[in-house]
């Protein structure tokens, strides 16, 4: 008996079986949905509850997406909820069929045990997102709580959120002297410090940099719907593009999915803003898109077709 050139005797069979095993494992992993749980707030709602599933599906990937939602929730509040097992969350879950279910009065413990999560993401509330001193001791306690309830293979993500619009009236903007650039710099510097000082995080998803990149384009400072939450179409799509490229390691530029209401030039801005943020996560890259046939890079316009 032969298996594609290998005989049943000797090393040939062993090698053939070994190769078949590896291929089976790879196929099984490829067919398995990627499972992401965010412990967040309205900023995780903006970033992952729409568009991300569709971007993944457009490239043949399945996902299960969970968001433990409390509007305006800080690391401190998440930590207190964990400690007291408080049923304080609206658990939004997108299944592999793309449909969302919502369950009120949910606990972190139940959500963490609900699936074999591949990734769990954490983030700070927006007004404190650039104030590194606000992270601890709550972050370390929350990490320990999560680690005790998920598989050893689960990876942690830090969601690097965005600076407010320059005209934002959010009270927390005063923490950054009502200056968008100052807030952005504080957010990315905090993320860089966290990356250096905390080895628990496998991924840093630079949505804040993607939004800042997009603001350099013809779109301008129009990616928010109220000065701090993201615009429902372009803003949210830009965030989801960033998450997609980070999670799957696949360049989002050229992904065929885009939500209704987004034109080709806006789609290009969002995809390039996200891609360049993944390449250079802690610095702003200018986006100079003249038309949809234009390519850009970190240095700006480089090629026209």
C-alpha atoms as a PDB file:
ATOM      1  CA  UNK A   1       0.000   0.000   0.000  1.00  0.00           C
ATOM      2  CA  UNK A   2       1.201   3.508  -0.827  1.00  0.00           C
ATOM      3  CA  UNK A   3       0.217   6.965   0.426  1.00  0.00           C
ATOM      4  CA  UNK A   4       1.221   9.516  -2.189  1.00  0.00           C
ATOM      5  CA  UNK A   5       4.626   8.049  -2.843  1.00  0.00           C
ATOM      6  CA  UNK A   6       5.314   6.751   0.659  1.00  0.00           C
ATOM      7  CA  UNK A   7       5.326   3.027   1.337  1.00  0.00           C
ATOM      8  CA  UNK A   8       3.837   1.452   4.437  1.00  0.00           C
ATOM      9  CA  UNK A   9       7.295   0.494   5.624  1.00  0.00           C
ATOM     10  CA  UNK A  10       9.984   2.557   7.235  1.00  0.00           C
ATOM     11  CA  UNK A  11      10.248   6.264   7.692  1.00  0.00           C
ATOM     12  CA  UNK A  12       8.018   7.048   4.708  1.00  0.00           C
ATOM     13  CA  UNK A  13       4.857   5.990   6.507  1.00  0.00           C
ATOM     14  CA  UNK A  14       5.814   7.842   9.664  1.00  0.00           C
ATOM     15  CA  UNK A  15       6.455  11.005   7.701  1.00  0.00           C
ATOM     16  CA  UNK A  16       3.219  10.647   5.753  1.00  0.00           C
ATOM     17  CA  UNK A  17       1.156  10.187   8.897  1.00  0.00           C
ATOM     18  CA  UNK A  18       2.922  13.092  10.550  1.00  0.00           C
ATOM     19  CA  UNK A  19       2.165  15.368   7.604  1.00  0.00           C
ATOM     20  CA  UNK A  20      -1.455  14.225   7.532  1.00  0.00           C
ATOM     21  CA  UNK A  21      -1.794  15.002  11.248  1.00  0.00           C
ATOM     22  CA  UNK A  22      -0.368  18.491  10.833  1.00  0.00           C
ATOM     23  CA  UNK A  23      -2.674  19.190   7.899  1.00  0.00           C
ATOM     24  CA  UNK A  24      -5.700  17.982   9.859  1.00  0.00           C
ATOM     25  CA  UNK A  25      -4.799  20.203  12.796  1.00  0.00           C
ATOM     26  CA  UNK A  26      -4.331  23.192  10.497  1.00  0.00           C
ATOM     27  CA  UNK A  27      -7.669  22.610   8.776  1.00  0.00           C
ATOM     28  CA  UNK A  28      -9.454  22.181  12.102  1.00  0.00           C
ATOM     29  CA  UNK A  29      -7.941  25.401  13.432  1.00  0.00           C
ATOM     30  CA  UNK A  30      -8.801  27.287  10.251  1.00  0.00           C
ATOM     31  CA  UNK A  31     -12.425  26.116  10.478  1.00  0.00           C
ATOM     32  CA  UNK A  32     -12.730  27.057  14.134  1.00  0.00           C
ATOM     33  CA  UNK A  33     -14.333  30.441  14.868  1.00  0.00           C
ATOM     34  CA  UNK A  34     -12.189  33.057  16.547  1.00  0.00           C
ATOM     35  CA  UNK A  35     -13.791  33.984  19.866  1.00  0.00           C
ATOM     36  CA  UNK A  36     -13.379  37.475  21.309  1.00  0.00           C
ATOM     37  CA  UNK A  37     -14.771  38.857  24.562  1.00  0.00           C
ATOM     38  CA  UNK A  38     -14.491  42.539  25.440  1.00  0.00           C
ATOM     39  CA  UNK A  39     -14.793  43.747  29.004  1.00  0.00           C
ATOM     40  CA  UNK A  40     -15.625  47.280  28.086  1.00  0.00           C
ATOM     41  CA  UNK A  41     -18.124  50.057  27.713  1.00  0.00           C
ATOM     42  CA  UNK A  42     -19.605  52.172  24.923  1.00  0.00           C
ATOM     43  CA  UNK A  43     -16.190  52.419  23.253  1.00  0.00           C
ATOM     44  CA  UNK A  44     -16.027  48.635  22.832  1.00  0.00           C
ATOM     45  CA  UNK A  45     -19.609  48.845  21.570  1.00  0.00           C
ATOM     46  CA  UNK A  46     -18.437  51.316  18.912  1.00  0.00           C
ATOM     47  CA  UNK A  47     -15.435  49.197  17.968  1.00  0.00           C
ATOM     48  CA  UNK A  48     -16.545  45.566  17.762  1.00  0.00           C
ATOM     49  CA  UNK A  49     -20.333  45.197  17.793  1.00  0.00           C
ATOM     50  CA  UNK A  50     -20.732  46.053  14.122  1.00  0.00           C
ATOM     51  CA  UNK A  51     -18.585  45.575  10.999  1.00  0.00           C
ATOM     52  CA  UNK A  52     -15.964  43.310  12.600  1.00  0.00           C
ATOM     53  CA  UNK A  53     -17.997  40.137  12.097  1.00  0.00           C
ATOM     54  CA  UNK A  54     -18.687  41.155   8.498  1.00  0.00           C
ATOM     55  CA  UNK A  55     -15.061  42.025   7.734  1.00  0.00           C
ATOM     56  CA  UNK A  56     -14.052  38.590   9.001  1.00  0.00           C
ATOM     57  CA  UNK A  57     -16.796  36.834   7.041  1.00  0.00           C
ATOM     58  CA  UNK A  58     -15.697  38.599   3.850  1.00  0.00           C
ATOM     59  CA  UNK A  59     -12.371  36.768   4.113  1.00  0.00           C
ATOM     60  CA  UNK A  60     -13.825  33.407   5.106  1.00  0.00           C
ATOM     61  CA  UNK A  61     -13.341  33.698   8.869  1.00  0.00           C
ATOM     62  CA  UNK A  62     -15.949  32.874  11.494  1.00  0.00           C
ATOM     63  CA  UNK A  63     -16.226  34.780  14.755  1.00  0.00           C
ATOM     64  CA  UNK A  64     -18.024  34.788  18.069  1.00  0.00           C
ATOM     65  CA  UNK A  65     -17.958  38.267  19.580  1.00  0.00           C
ATOM     66  CA  UNK A  66     -18.963  39.108  23.135  1.00  0.00           C
ATOM     67  CA  UNK A  67     -19.131  42.520  24.762  1.00  0.00           C
ATOM     68  CA  UNK A  68     -19.651  42.980  28.469  1.00  0.00           C
ATOM     69  CA  UNK A  69     -21.224  46.411  28.318  1.00  0.00           C
ATOM     70  CA  UNK A  70     -21.706  49.123  30.905  1.00  0.00           C
ATOM     71  CA  UNK A  71     -21.720  52.667  29.568  1.00  0.00           C
ATOM     72  CA  UNK A  72     -18.816  54.712  30.904  1.00  0.00           C
ATOM     73  CA  UNK A  73     -17.364  51.799  32.850  1.00  0.00           C
ATOM     74  CA  UNK A  74     -13.862  52.213  34.269  1.00  0.00           C
ATOM     75  CA  UNK A  75     -11.293  49.592  35.203  1.00  0.00           C
ATOM     76  CA  UNK A  76     -12.067  50.328  38.840  1.00  0.00           C
ATOM     77  CA  UNK A  77     -15.748  49.558  38.381  1.00  0.00           C
ATOM     78  CA  UNK A  78     -15.023  46.392  36.404  1.00  0.00           C
ATOM     79  CA  UNK A  79     -12.692  45.302  39.185  1.00  0.00           C
ATOM     80  CA  UNK A  80     -15.297  45.975  41.878  1.00  0.00           C
ATOM     81  CA  UNK A  81     -17.931  44.109  39.864  1.00  0.00           C
ATOM     82  CA  UNK A  82     -15.586  41.135  39.582  1.00  0.00           C
ATOM     83  CA  UNK A  83     -14.822  41.155  43.299  1.00  0.00           C
ATOM     84  CA  UNK A  84     -18.513  41.226  44.282  1.00  0.00           C
ATOM     85  CA  UNK A  85     -19.796  39.109  41.373  1.00  0.00           C
ATOM     86  CA  UNK A  86     -22.223  41.910  40.601  1.00  0.00           C
ATOM     87  CA  UNK A  87     -24.751  41.214  37.793  1.00  0.00           C
ATOM     88  CA  UNK A  88     -24.240  44.665  36.365  1.00  0.00           C
ATOM     89  CA  UNK A  89     -23.652  43.996  32.668  1.00  0.00           C
ATOM     90  CA  UNK A  90     -25.568  43.909  29.435  1.00  0.00           C
ATOM     91  CA  UNK A  91     -23.973  40.920  27.708  1.00  0.00           C
ATOM     92  CA  UNK A  92     -24.103  41.370  23.944  1.00  0.00           C
ATOM     93  CA  UNK A  93     -23.077  38.291  21.996  1.00  0.00           C
ATOM     94  CA  UNK A  94     -22.776  37.813  18.242  1.00  0.00           C
ATOM     95  CA  UNK A  95     -22.881  34.124  17.354  1.00  0.00           C
ATOM     96  CA  UNK A  96     -21.376  32.421  14.328  1.00  0.00           C
ATOM     97  CA  UNK A  97     -24.652  33.119  12.500  1.00  0.00           C
ATOM     98  CA  UNK A  98     -24.016  36.856  12.846  1.00  0.00           C
ATOM     99  CA  UNK A  99     -27.049  37.429  15.049  1.00  0.00           C
ATOM    100  CA  UNK A 100     -26.741  39.349  18.303  1.00  0.00           C
ATOM    101  CA  UNK A 101     -28.377  38.320  21.553  1.00  0.00           C
ATOM    102  CA  UNK A 102     -28.546  40.562  24.604  1.00  0.00           C
ATOM    103  CA  UNK A 103     -28.779  39.359  28.170  1.00  0.00           C
ATOM    104  CA  UNK A 104     -29.212  41.815  31.018  1.00  0.00           C
ATOM    105  CA  UNK A 105     -27.933  41.445  34.578  1.00  0.00           C
ATOM    106  CA  UNK A 106     -24.933  39.331  33.624  1.00  0.00           C
ATOM    107  CA  UNK A 107     -21.789  38.752  35.662  1.00  0.00           C
ATOM    108  CA  UNK A 108     -18.189  38.741  34.495  1.00  0.00           C
ATOM    109  CA  UNK A 109     -17.735  35.248  35.872  1.00  0.00           C
ATOM    110  CA  UNK A 110     -20.547  33.854  33.699  1.00  0.00           C
ATOM    111  CA  UNK A 111     -19.313  35.623  30.576  1.00  0.00           C
ATOM    112  CA  UNK A 112     -15.741  34.438  30.987  1.00  0.00           C
ATOM    113  CA  UNK A 113     -16.953  30.847  31.340  1.00  0.00           C
ATOM    114  CA  UNK A 114     -19.520  31.105  28.535  1.00  0.00           C
ATOM    115  CA  UNK A 115     -17.063  30.263  25.733  1.00  0.00           C
ATOM    116  CA  UNK A 116     -13.508  29.066  25.272  1.00  0.00           C
ATOM    117  CA  UNK A 117     -12.384  32.603  24.487  1.00  0.00           C
ATOM    118  CA  UNK A 118      -9.335  33.077  22.278  1.00  0.00           C
ATOM    119  CA  UNK A 119      -9.028  36.717  23.296  1.00  0.00           C
ATOM    120  CA  UNK A 120     -10.279  38.867  26.145  1.00  0.00           C
ATOM    121  CA  UNK A 121      -9.860  42.610  25.773  1.00  0.00           C
ATOM    122  CA  UNK A 122      -9.613  45.241  28.467  1.00  0.00           C
ATOM    123  CA  UNK A 123      -9.679  49.033  28.302  1.00  0.00           C
ATOM    124  CA  UNK A 124      -9.905  52.110  30.478  1.00  0.00           C
ATOM    125  CA  UNK A 125     -12.859  54.507  30.458  1.00  0.00           C
ATOM    126  CA  UNK A 126     -12.276  57.231  27.878  1.00  0.00           C
ATOM    127  CA  UNK A 127     -11.647  60.230  30.123  1.00  0.00           C
ATOM    128  CA  UNK A 128      -8.976  58.246  31.997  1.00  0.00           C
ATOM    129  CA  UNK A 129      -7.565  56.394  28.983  1.00  0.00           C
ATOM    130  CA  UNK A 130      -4.473  58.595  28.875  1.00  0.00           C
ATOM    131  CA  UNK A 131      -3.949  58.715  32.641  1.00  0.00           C
ATOM    132  CA  UNK A 132      -1.708  55.749  33.355  1.00  0.00           C
ATOM    133  CA  UNK A 133      -1.901  56.266  37.104  1.00  0.00           C
ATOM    134  CA  UNK A 134      -5.613  55.375  36.942  1.00  0.00           C
ATOM    135  CA  UNK A 135      -4.917  51.863  35.624  1.00  0.00           C
ATOM    136  CA  UNK A 136      -3.585  50.337  38.820  1.00  0.00           C
ATOM    137  CA  UNK A 137      -4.157  48.506  41.074  1.00  0.00           C
ATOM    138  CA  UNK A 138      -7.422  47.681  39.300  1.00  0.00           C
ATOM    139  CA  UNK A 139      -5.876  46.349  36.093  1.00  0.00           C
ATOM    140  CA  UNK A 140      -3.650  43.760  37.768  1.00  0.00           C
ATOM    141  CA  UNK A 141      -6.568  42.551  39.887  1.00  0.00           C
ATOM    142  CA  UNK A 142      -8.810  42.278  36.845  1.00  0.00           C
ATOM    143  CA  UNK A 143      -6.155  40.384  34.888  1.00  0.00           C
ATOM    144  CA  UNK A 144      -5.790  37.871  37.725  1.00  0.00           C
ATOM    145  CA  UNK A 145      -9.572  37.452  37.856  1.00  0.00           C
ATOM    146  CA  UNK A 146      -9.769  36.822  34.106  1.00  0.00           C
ATOM    147  CA  UNK A 147      -6.817  34.425  34.078  1.00  0.00           C
ATOM    148  CA  UNK A 148      -8.450  32.272  36.758  1.00  0.00           C
ATOM    149  CA  UNK A 149     -11.531  31.750  34.562  1.00  0.00           C
ATOM    150  CA  UNK A 150     -10.285  31.280  31.012  1.00  0.00           C
ATOM    151  CA  UNK A 151      -8.087  28.671  29.304  1.00  0.00           C
ATOM    152  CA  UNK A 152      -4.334  29.073  29.601  1.00  0.00           C
ATOM    153  CA  UNK A 153      -4.254  29.683  25.853  1.00  0.00           C
ATOM    154  CA  UNK A 154      -6.493  32.759  26.046  1.00  0.00           C
ATOM    155  CA  UNK A 155      -4.656  35.927  25.070  1.00  0.00           C
ATOM    156  CA  UNK A 156      -5.238  39.364  26.533  1.00  0.00           C
ATOM    157  CA  UNK A 157      -5.743  42.480  24.433  1.00  0.00           C
ATOM    158  CA  UNK A 158      -5.414  46.118  25.410  1.00  0.00           C
ATOM    159  CA  UNK A 159      -7.868  48.255  23.450  1.00  0.00           C
ATOM    160  CA  UNK A 160      -6.070  51.538  22.713  1.00  0.00           C
ATOM    161  CA  UNK A 161      -8.998  53.920  22.393  1.00  0.00           C
ATOM    162  CA  UNK A 162      -9.243  57.318  20.705  1.00  0.00           C
ATOM    163  CA  UNK A 163      -8.951  60.974  21.584  1.00  0.00           C
ATOM    164  CA  UNK A 164     -12.048  63.138  21.582  1.00  0.00           C
ATOM    165  CA  UNK A 165     -12.970  65.480  18.754  1.00  0.00           C
ATOM    166  CA  UNK A 166     -11.347  68.879  19.201  1.00  0.00           C
ATOM    167  CA  UNK A 167     -14.761  70.501  19.757  1.00  0.00           C
ATOM    168  CA  UNK A 168     -15.885  67.898  22.310  1.00  0.00           C
ATOM    169  CA  UNK A 169     -17.809  69.175  25.314  1.00  0.00           C
ATOM    170  CA  UNK A 170     -17.146  66.021  27.369  1.00  0.00           C
ATOM    171  CA  UNK A 171     -16.230  67.023  30.913  1.00  0.00           C
ATOM    172  CA  UNK A 172     -13.319  64.579  30.994  1.00  0.00           C
ATOM    173  CA  UNK A 173     -11.648  66.423  28.123  1.00  0.00           C
ATOM    174  CA  UNK A 174     -10.401  68.858  30.762  1.00  0.00           C
ATOM    175  CA  UNK A 175      -7.954  66.153  31.868  1.00  0.00           C
ATOM    176  CA  UNK A 176      -6.054  66.943  28.662  1.00  0.00           C
ATOM    177  CA  UNK A 177      -6.562  70.713  28.629  1.00  0.00           C
ATOM    178  CA  UNK A 178      -9.263  70.200  25.992  1.00  0.00           C
ATOM    179  CA  UNK A 179      -6.559  69.420  23.442  1.00  0.00           C
ATOM    180  CA  UNK A 180      -7.040  66.481  21.079  1.00  0.00           C
ATOM    181  CA  UNK A 181      -3.366  65.985  20.289  1.00  0.00           C
ATOM    182  CA  UNK A 182      -2.460  66.056  23.977  1.00  0.00           C
ATOM    183  CA  UNK A 183      -5.112  63.435  24.702  1.00  0.00           C
ATOM    184  CA  UNK A 184      -3.963  61.234  21.824  1.00  0.00           C
ATOM    185  CA  UNK A 185      -0.322  61.448  22.924  1.00  0.00           C
ATOM    186  CA  UNK A 186      -1.294  60.578  26.506  1.00  0.00           C
ATOM    187  CA  UNK A 187      -3.288  57.544  25.348  1.00  0.00           C
ATOM    188  CA  UNK A 188      -0.510  56.079  23.197  1.00  0.00           C
ATOM    189  CA  UNK A 189       2.179  56.852  25.778  1.00  0.00           C
ATOM    190  CA  UNK A 190       0.107  55.009  28.368  1.00  0.00           C
ATOM    191  CA  UNK A 191      -0.226  52.045  26.012  1.00  0.00           C
ATOM    192  CA  UNK A 192       3.513  52.040  25.332  1.00  0.00           C
ATOM    193  CA  UNK A 193       4.244  52.060  29.042  1.00  0.00           C
ATOM    194  CA  UNK A 194       1.766  49.243  29.617  1.00  0.00           C
ATOM    195  CA  UNK A 195       3.392  47.215  26.852  1.00  0.00           C
ATOM    196  CA  UNK A 196       6.785  47.723  28.461  1.00  0.00           C
ATOM    197  CA  UNK A 197       5.726  47.044  32.042  1.00  0.00           C
ATOM    198  CA  UNK A 198       3.067  44.341  31.663  1.00  0.00           C
ATOM    199  CA  UNK A 199       3.853  41.169  29.749  1.00  0.00           C
ATOM    200  CA  UNK A 200       0.287  39.881  30.089  1.00  0.00           C
ATOM    201  CA  UNK A 201      -0.958  41.560  26.916  1.00  0.00           C
ATOM    202  CA  UNK A 202      -0.428  39.787  23.604  1.00  0.00           C
ATOM    203  CA  UNK A 203      -2.043  42.438  21.431  1.00  0.00           C
ATOM    204  CA  UNK A 204      -2.501  46.185  21.520  1.00  0.00           C
ATOM    205  CA  UNK A 205      -5.267  47.220  19.135  1.00  0.00           C
ATOM    206  CA  UNK A 206      -4.447  50.822  18.107  1.00  0.00           C
ATOM    207  CA  UNK A 207      -7.903  52.149  17.274  1.00  0.00           C
ATOM    208  CA  UNK A 208      -6.944  55.555  18.662  1.00  0.00           C
ATOM    209  CA  UNK A 209      -4.116  55.812  16.156  1.00  0.00           C
ATOM    210  CA  UNK A 210      -6.368  54.666  13.300  1.00  0.00           C
ATOM    211  CA  UNK A 211      -8.878  57.397  14.150  1.00  0.00           C
ATOM    212  CA  UNK A 212      -6.088  59.965  14.395  1.00  0.00           C
ATOM    213  CA  UNK A 213      -4.747  58.800  11.021  1.00  0.00           C
ATOM    214  CA  UNK A 214      -8.171  59.185   9.421  1.00  0.00           C
ATOM    215  CA  UNK A 215      -8.454  62.706  10.811  1.00  0.00           C
ATOM    216  CA  UNK A 216      -5.474  63.743   8.678  1.00  0.00           C
ATOM    217  CA  UNK A 217      -7.408  62.868   5.499  1.00  0.00           C
ATOM    218  CA  UNK A 218     -10.057  64.842   3.647  1.00  0.00           C
ATOM    219  CA  UNK A 219     -12.513  63.496   6.257  1.00  0.00           C
ATOM    220  CA  UNK A 220     -11.019  65.795   8.876  1.00  0.00           C
ATOM    221  CA  UNK A 221     -12.146  65.820  12.488  1.00  0.00           C
ATOM    222  CA  UNK A 222     -15.548  64.323  11.712  1.00  0.00           C
ATOM    223  CA  UNK A 223     -15.288  60.791  13.042  1.00  0.00           C
ATOM    224  CA  UNK A 224     -17.393  61.299  16.165  1.00  0.00           C
ATOM    225  CA  UNK A 225     -21.146  61.618  16.521  1.00  0.00           C
ATOM    226  CA  UNK A 226     -21.173  63.576  19.770  1.00  0.00           C
ATOM    227  CA  UNK A 227     -17.584  64.639  20.305  1.00  0.00           C
ATOM    228  CA  UNK A 228     -16.431  61.364  21.851  1.00  0.00           C
ATOM    229  CA  UNK A 229     -18.385  58.329  20.621  1.00  0.00           C
ATOM    230  CA  UNK A 230     -17.560  57.270  17.078  1.00  0.00           C
ATOM    231  CA  UNK A 231     -19.545  58.218  14.015  1.00  0.00           C
ATOM    232  CA  UNK A 232     -21.966  55.383  13.303  1.00  0.00           C
ATOM    233  CA  UNK A 233     -20.605  54.658   9.825  1.00  0.00           C
ATOM    234  CA  UNK A 234     -17.055  55.808   9.060  1.00  0.00           C
ATOM    235  CA  UNK A 235     -15.830  56.012  12.651  1.00  0.00           C
ATOM    236  CA  UNK A 236     -17.073  52.603  13.658  1.00  0.00           C
ATOM    237  CA  UNK A 237     -15.882  51.044  10.408  1.00  0.00           C
ATOM    238  CA  UNK A 238     -12.372  52.424  10.922  1.00  0.00           C
ATOM    239  CA  UNK A 239     -12.280  50.911  14.404  1.00  0.00           C
ATOM    240  CA  UNK A 240     -13.487  47.522  13.168  1.00  0.00           C
ATOM    241  CA  UNK A 241     -10.910  47.518  10.366  1.00  0.00           C
ATOM    242  CA  UNK A 242      -8.195  47.968  12.990  1.00  0.00           C
ATOM    243  CA  UNK A 243      -9.505  45.099  15.078  1.00  0.00           C
ATOM    244  CA  UNK A 244      -9.773  42.858  12.023  1.00  0.00           C
ATOM    245  CA  UNK A 245      -6.176  43.356  10.934  1.00  0.00           C
ATOM    246  CA  UNK A 246      -4.836  42.873  14.462  1.00  0.00           C
ATOM    247  CA  UNK A 247      -6.819  39.703  15.120  1.00  0.00           C
ATOM    248  CA  UNK A 248      -6.302  37.929  11.813  1.00  0.00           C
ATOM    249  CA  UNK A 249      -2.941  39.320  10.709  1.00  0.00           C
ATOM    250  CA  UNK A 250      -4.474  40.005   7.319  1.00  0.00           C
ATOM    251  CA  UNK A 251      -4.137  43.376   5.611  1.00  0.00           C
ATOM    252  CA  UNK A 252      -7.557  45.001   5.694  1.00  0.00           C
ATOM    253  CA  UNK A 253      -6.906  47.156   2.628  1.00  0.00           C
ATOM    254  CA  UNK A 254      -8.928  45.642  -0.186  1.00  0.00           C
ATOM    255  CA  UNK A 255     -11.439  43.871   2.050  1.00  0.00           C
ATOM    256  CA  UNK A 256     -14.652  43.952   0.044  1.00  0.00           C
ATOM    257  CA  UNK A 257     -16.991  44.567   2.968  1.00  0.00           C
ATOM    258  CA  UNK A 258     -18.170  48.077   3.780  1.00  0.00           C
ATOM    259  CA  UNK A 259     -21.345  49.223   5.538  1.00  0.00           C
ATOM    260  CA  UNK A 260     -24.108  51.081   3.748  1.00  0.00           C
ATOM    261  CA  UNK A 261     -23.573  54.819   3.602  1.00  0.00           C
ATOM    262  CA  UNK A 262     -19.828  54.630   3.040  1.00  0.00           C
ATOM    263  CA  UNK A 263     -18.467  55.731  -0.331  1.00  0.00           C
ATOM    264  CA  UNK A 264     -15.341  54.311  -1.956  1.00  0.00           C
ATOM    265  CA  UNK A 265     -13.048  57.138  -0.870  1.00  0.00           C
ATOM    266  CA  UNK A 266     -14.220  56.913   2.745  1.00  0.00           C
ATOM    267  CA  UNK A 267     -13.762  53.146   2.667  1.00  0.00           C
ATOM    268  CA  UNK A 268     -10.198  53.635   1.436  1.00  0.00           C
ATOM    269  CA  UNK A 269      -9.488  56.162   4.192  1.00  0.00           C
ATOM    270  CA  UNK A 270     -10.784  53.803   6.871  1.00  0.00           C
ATOM    271  CA  UNK A 271      -8.887  50.776   5.605  1.00  0.00           C
ATOM    272  CA  UNK A 272      -5.600  52.610   5.124  1.00  0.00           C
ATOM    273  CA  UNK A 273      -5.941  54.426   8.448  1.00  0.00           C
ATOM    274  CA  UNK A 274      -6.368  51.071  10.174  1.00  0.00           C
ATOM    275  CA  UNK A 275      -3.568  49.342   8.273  1.00  0.00           C
ATOM    276  CA  UNK A 276      -1.061  52.108   8.956  1.00  0.00           C
ATOM    277  CA  UNK A 277      -2.063  52.132  12.618  1.00  0.00           C
ATOM    278  CA  UNK A 278      -1.248  48.439  12.872  1.00  0.00           C
ATOM    279  CA  UNK A 279       2.105  49.078  11.169  1.00  0.00           C
ATOM    280  CA  UNK A 280       2.896  52.140  13.331  1.00  0.00           C
ATOM    281  CA  UNK A 281       0.636  51.810  16.373  1.00  0.00           C
ATOM    282  CA  UNK A 282       1.974  54.649  18.463  1.00  0.00           C
ATOM    283  CA  UNK A 283       2.331  57.459  15.949  1.00  0.00           C
ATOM    284  CA  UNK A 284       0.039  59.243  13.559  1.00  0.00           C
ATOM    285  CA  UNK A 285       0.488  58.547   9.829  1.00  0.00           C
ATOM    286  CA  UNK A 286      -0.913  61.031   7.285  1.00  0.00           C
ATOM    287  CA  UNK A 287      -3.569  59.793   4.881  1.00  0.00           C
ATOM    288  CA  UNK A 288      -3.650  61.595   1.538  1.00  0.00           C
ATOM    289  CA  UNK A 289      -6.266  59.967  -0.641  1.00  0.00           C
ATOM    290  CA  UNK A 290      -7.168  61.916  -3.757  1.00  0.00           C
ATOM    291  CA  UNK A 291      -9.347  59.231  -5.303  1.00  0.00           C
ATOM    292  CA  UNK A 292     -10.160  55.587  -4.795  1.00  0.00           C
ATOM    293  CA  UNK A 293      -7.390  54.472  -7.153  1.00  0.00           C
ATOM    294  CA  UNK A 294      -4.726  56.039  -4.954  1.00  0.00           C
ATOM    295  CA  UNK A 295      -2.378  54.117  -2.702  1.00  0.00           C
ATOM    296  CA  UNK A 296      -0.985  55.652   0.461  1.00  0.00           C
ATOM    297  CA  UNK A 297       1.692  54.799   2.972  1.00  0.00           C
ATOM    298  CA  UNK A 298       3.030  56.183   6.220  1.00  0.00           C
ATOM    299  CA  UNK A 299       4.710  58.924   4.197  1.00  0.00           C
ATOM    300  CA  UNK A 300       1.494  59.953   2.488  1.00  0.00           C
ATOM    301  CA  UNK A 301       0.631  59.665  -1.194  1.00  0.00           C
ATOM    302  CA  UNK A 302       2.992  57.336  -3.012  1.00  0.00           C
ATOM    303  CA  UNK A 303       1.302  55.948  -6.086  1.00  0.00           C
ATOM    304  CA  UNK A 304      -1.608  56.410  -8.435  1.00  0.00           C
ATOM    305  CA  UNK A 305      -2.900  53.697 -10.682  1.00  0.00           C
END
